[in-house]
Amino acid sequence: MSEELTSEQIAQHYSAAMDSVNLINAVIASPDDYADDETILNRNADHLRLVVEWDFWTTEDMTPFTDAITASGV
């Protein structure tokens, strides 16, 4: 992403990515609740892989993203 983002926009991107983190954690905690969606972990881990590569991050903690990618096992 080459456009200049405001701190509010960056915070929105971070929050949206945390939705994927939280979903991955929920699937791991209760896999039966998500049995009807076989690609849920893959889609959300792929999303986070893209997110961590964006070039506008400054001091944001990427640990929840990388931990969720690892935990997803995909």
N, C-alpha and C. Protein backbone atom coordinates (compact mmCIF):
# COMPACT_ATOMS: atom_id res chain seq x y z
N MET A 1 0.85 -1.16 0.00
CA MET A 1 0.00 0.00 0.00
C MET A 1 0.90 1.23 0.00
N SER A 2 0.81 1.99 -1.02
CA SER A 2 1.72 3.12 -1.15
C SER A 2 1.10 4.45 -0.76
N GLU A 3 -0.22 4.50 -0.55
CA GLU A 3 -0.84 5.76 -0.18
C GLU A 3 -0.55 6.08 1.28
N GLU A 4 -0.53 7.36 1.60
CA GLU A 4 -0.30 7.81 2.97
C GLU A 4 -1.60 7.64 3.77
N LEU A 5 -1.51 6.93 4.88
CA LEU A 5 -2.69 6.69 5.70
C LEU A 5 -2.61 7.51 6.98
N THR A 6 -3.76 7.89 7.48
CA THR A 6 -3.82 8.59 8.76
C THR A 6 -3.66 7.56 9.88
N SER A 7 -3.37 8.04 11.06
CA SER A 7 -3.25 7.13 12.20
C SER A 7 -4.58 6.44 12.48
N GLU A 8 -5.69 7.12 12.22
CA GLU A 8 -7.00 6.51 12.40
C GLU A 8 -7.23 5.37 11.41
N GLN A 9 -6.80 5.55 10.17
CA GLN A 9 -6.94 4.50 9.17
C GLN A 9 -6.07 3.29 9.51
N ILE A 10 -4.88 3.57 10.00
CA ILE A 10 -3.99 2.48 10.41
C ILE A 10 -4.62 1.71 11.57
N ALA A 11 -5.20 2.43 12.51
CA ALA A 11 -5.87 1.78 13.65
C ALA A 11 -7.05 0.93 13.17
N GLN A 12 -7.77 1.39 12.16
CA GLN A 12 -8.88 0.62 11.62
C GLN A 12 -8.38 -0.67 10.96
N HIS A 13 -7.28 -0.58 10.23
CA HIS A 13 -6.70 -1.79 9.61
C HIS A 13 -6.25 -2.77 10.69
N TYR A 14 -5.64 -2.24 11.74
CA TYR A 14 -5.18 -3.10 12.83
C TYR A 14 -6.37 -3.80 13.49
N SER A 15 -7.41 -3.05 13.76
CA SER A 15 -8.61 -3.60 14.38
C SER A 15 -9.24 -4.68 13.50
N ALA A 16 -9.32 -4.43 12.22
CA ALA A 16 -9.88 -5.41 11.29
C ALA A 16 -9.04 -6.69 11.28
N ALA A 17 -7.73 -6.54 11.33
CA ALA A 17 -6.86 -7.71 11.36
C ALA A 17 -7.04 -8.48 12.67
N MET A 18 -7.29 -7.75 13.75
CA MET A 18 -7.54 -8.43 15.03
C MET A 18 -8.81 -9.26 14.97
N ASP A 19 -9.76 -8.87 14.12
CA ASP A 19 -10.95 -9.70 13.93
C ASP A 19 -10.54 -11.08 13.41
N SER A 20 -9.58 -11.13 12.49
CA SER A 20 -9.09 -12.41 11.99
C SER A 20 -8.37 -13.18 13.08
N VAL A 21 -7.59 -12.48 13.89
CA VAL A 21 -6.90 -13.13 15.02
C VAL A 21 -7.93 -13.76 15.95
N ASN A 22 -8.92 -12.99 16.31
CA ASN A 22 -9.95 -13.48 17.24
C ASN A 22 -10.73 -14.65 16.65
N LEU A 23 -10.99 -14.60 15.36
CA LEU A 23 -11.72 -15.70 14.72
C LEU A 23 -10.87 -16.97 14.69
N ILE A 24 -9.60 -16.83 14.36
CA ILE A 24 -8.70 -17.99 14.37
C ILE A 24 -8.67 -18.60 15.77
N ASN A 25 -8.55 -17.77 16.78
CA ASN A 25 -8.52 -18.28 18.15
C ASN A 25 -9.83 -18.95 18.52
N ALA A 26 -10.96 -18.42 18.06
CA ALA A 26 -12.26 -19.02 18.34
C ALA A 26 -12.40 -20.38 17.66
N VAL A 27 -11.91 -20.49 16.43
CA VAL A 27 -11.97 -21.76 15.71
C VAL A 27 -11.12 -22.81 16.42
N ILE A 28 -9.96 -22.41 16.86
CA ILE A 28 -9.07 -23.35 17.55
C ILE A 28 -9.71 -23.80 18.87
N ALA A 29 -10.36 -22.88 19.56
CA ALA A 29 -10.98 -23.20 20.85
C ALA A 29 -12.22 -24.07 20.69
N SER A 30 -12.97 -23.87 19.62
CA SER A 30 -14.23 -24.61 19.41
C SER A 30 -14.38 -25.03 17.95
N PRO A 31 -13.54 -25.95 17.49
CA PRO A 31 -13.57 -26.30 16.07
C PRO A 31 -14.92 -26.83 15.59
N ASP A 32 -15.66 -27.49 16.45
CA ASP A 32 -16.95 -28.02 16.03
C ASP A 32 -17.94 -26.92 15.65
N ASP A 33 -17.78 -25.75 16.25
CA ASP A 33 -18.66 -24.62 15.93
C ASP A 33 -18.46 -24.11 14.51
N TYR A 34 -17.33 -24.46 13.90
CA TYR A 34 -16.99 -23.96 12.57
C TYR A 34 -16.81 -25.10 11.57
N ALA A 35 -17.31 -26.27 11.89
CA ALA A 35 -17.11 -27.46 11.06
C ALA A 35 -17.70 -27.30 9.66
N ASP A 36 -18.68 -26.43 9.51
CA ASP A 36 -19.31 -26.26 8.19
C ASP A 36 -18.52 -25.34 7.27
N ASP A 37 -17.42 -24.79 7.76
CA ASP A 37 -16.58 -23.89 6.94
C ASP A 37 -15.15 -24.40 6.96
N GLU A 38 -14.83 -25.24 6.01
CA GLU A 38 -13.52 -25.90 5.98
C GLU A 38 -12.35 -24.97 5.67
N THR A 39 -12.63 -23.79 5.13
CA THR A 39 -11.54 -22.89 4.73
C THR A 39 -11.36 -21.70 5.66
N ILE A 40 -12.06 -21.68 6.76
CA ILE A 40 -12.04 -20.50 7.63
C ILE A 40 -10.63 -20.19 8.16
N LEU A 41 -9.91 -21.19 8.60
CA LEU A 41 -8.55 -20.95 9.10
C LEU A 41 -7.64 -20.47 7.99
N ASN A 42 -7.72 -21.13 6.85
CA ASN A 42 -6.86 -20.76 5.72
C ASN A 42 -7.10 -19.32 5.27
N ARG A 43 -8.35 -18.95 5.11
CA ARG A 43 -8.69 -17.59 4.65
C ARG A 43 -8.18 -16.53 5.62
N ASN A 44 -8.38 -16.77 6.90
CA ASN A 44 -7.99 -15.77 7.88
C ASN A 44 -6.48 -15.72 8.09
N ALA A 45 -5.82 -16.85 8.02
CA ALA A 45 -4.36 -16.86 8.11
C ALA A 45 -3.76 -16.17 6.88
N ASP A 46 -4.32 -16.42 5.70
CA ASP A 46 -3.85 -15.75 4.49
C ASP A 46 -4.04 -14.25 4.59
N HIS A 47 -5.17 -13.83 5.13
CA HIS A 47 -5.41 -12.40 5.33
C HIS A 47 -4.33 -11.80 6.22
N LEU A 48 -4.02 -12.47 7.31
CA LEU A 48 -3.00 -11.95 8.23
C LEU A 48 -1.61 -11.94 7.60
N ARG A 49 -1.32 -12.93 6.76
CA ARG A 49 -0.02 -12.93 6.07
C ARG A 49 0.13 -11.68 5.19
N LEU A 50 -0.95 -11.28 4.55
CA LEU A 50 -0.92 -10.05 3.75
C LEU A 50 -0.76 -8.83 4.64
N VAL A 51 -1.50 -8.81 5.71
CA VAL A 51 -1.51 -7.65 6.61
C VAL A 51 -0.12 -7.36 7.18
N VAL A 52 0.58 -8.39 7.61
CA VAL A 52 1.89 -8.14 8.24
C VAL A 52 2.91 -7.60 7.23
N GLU A 53 2.65 -7.76 5.96
CA GLU A 53 3.57 -7.26 4.93
C GLU A 53 3.31 -5.81 4.52
N TRP A 54 2.18 -5.25 4.94
CA TRP A 54 1.89 -3.87 4.56
C TRP A 54 2.99 -2.95 5.07
N ASP A 55 3.32 -1.93 4.30
CA ASP A 55 4.47 -1.08 4.61
C ASP A 55 4.16 0.16 5.44
N PHE A 56 2.93 0.32 5.89
CA PHE A 56 2.60 1.53 6.64
C PHE A 56 2.65 1.35 8.15
N TRP A 57 2.88 0.13 8.62
CA TRP A 57 2.95 -0.09 10.06
C TRP A 57 4.11 0.68 10.66
N THR A 58 3.92 1.13 11.87
CA THR A 58 5.00 1.86 12.57
C THR A 58 5.38 1.06 13.81
N THR A 59 4.75 1.36 14.94
CA THR A 59 5.11 0.68 16.20
C THR A 59 4.06 -0.34 16.63
N GLU A 60 3.13 -0.67 15.74
CA GLU A 60 2.08 -1.63 16.09
C GLU A 60 2.70 -3.01 16.39
N ASP A 61 2.09 -3.69 17.34
CA ASP A 61 2.54 -5.02 17.73
C ASP A 61 1.98 -6.06 16.77
N MET A 62 2.84 -6.67 16.00
CA MET A 62 2.43 -7.69 15.03
C MET A 62 2.37 -9.08 15.65
N THR A 63 2.76 -9.20 16.90
CA THR A 63 2.80 -10.51 17.56
C THR A 63 1.46 -11.24 17.52
N PRO A 64 0.33 -10.58 17.81
CA PRO A 64 -0.93 -11.33 17.73
C PRO A 64 -1.18 -11.91 16.34
N PHE A 65 -0.76 -11.19 15.31
CA PHE A 65 -0.96 -11.66 13.93
C PHE A 65 -0.09 -12.87 13.64
N THR A 66 1.19 -12.77 13.96
CA THR A 66 2.09 -13.88 13.67
C THR A 66 1.76 -15.10 14.54
N ASP A 67 1.36 -14.85 15.79
CA ASP A 67 0.98 -15.97 16.66
C ASP A 67 -0.26 -16.69 16.12
N ALA A 68 -1.23 -15.93 15.62
CA ALA A 68 -2.46 -16.54 15.09
C ALA A 68 -2.16 -17.32 13.81
N ILE A 69 -1.27 -16.80 12.98
CA ILE A 69 -0.89 -17.52 11.76
C ILE A 69 -0.27 -18.86 12.14
N THR A 70 0.63 -18.83 13.09
CA THR A 70 1.28 -20.06 13.55
C THR A 70 0.27 -21.01 14.17
N ALA A 71 -0.58 -20.50 15.03
CA ALA A 71 -1.58 -21.33 15.71
C ALA A 71 -2.56 -21.97 14.75
N SER A 72 -2.82 -21.29 13.63
CA SER A 72 -3.78 -21.83 12.66
C SER A 72 -3.31 -23.13 12.05
N GLY A 73 -2.01 -23.30 11.98
CA GLY A 73 -1.45 -24.53 11.43
C GLY A 73 -1.54 -24.63 9.92
N VAL A 74 -1.86 -23.52 9.26
CA VAL A 74 -1.95 -23.53 7.80
C VAL A 74 -0.97 -22.55 7.20
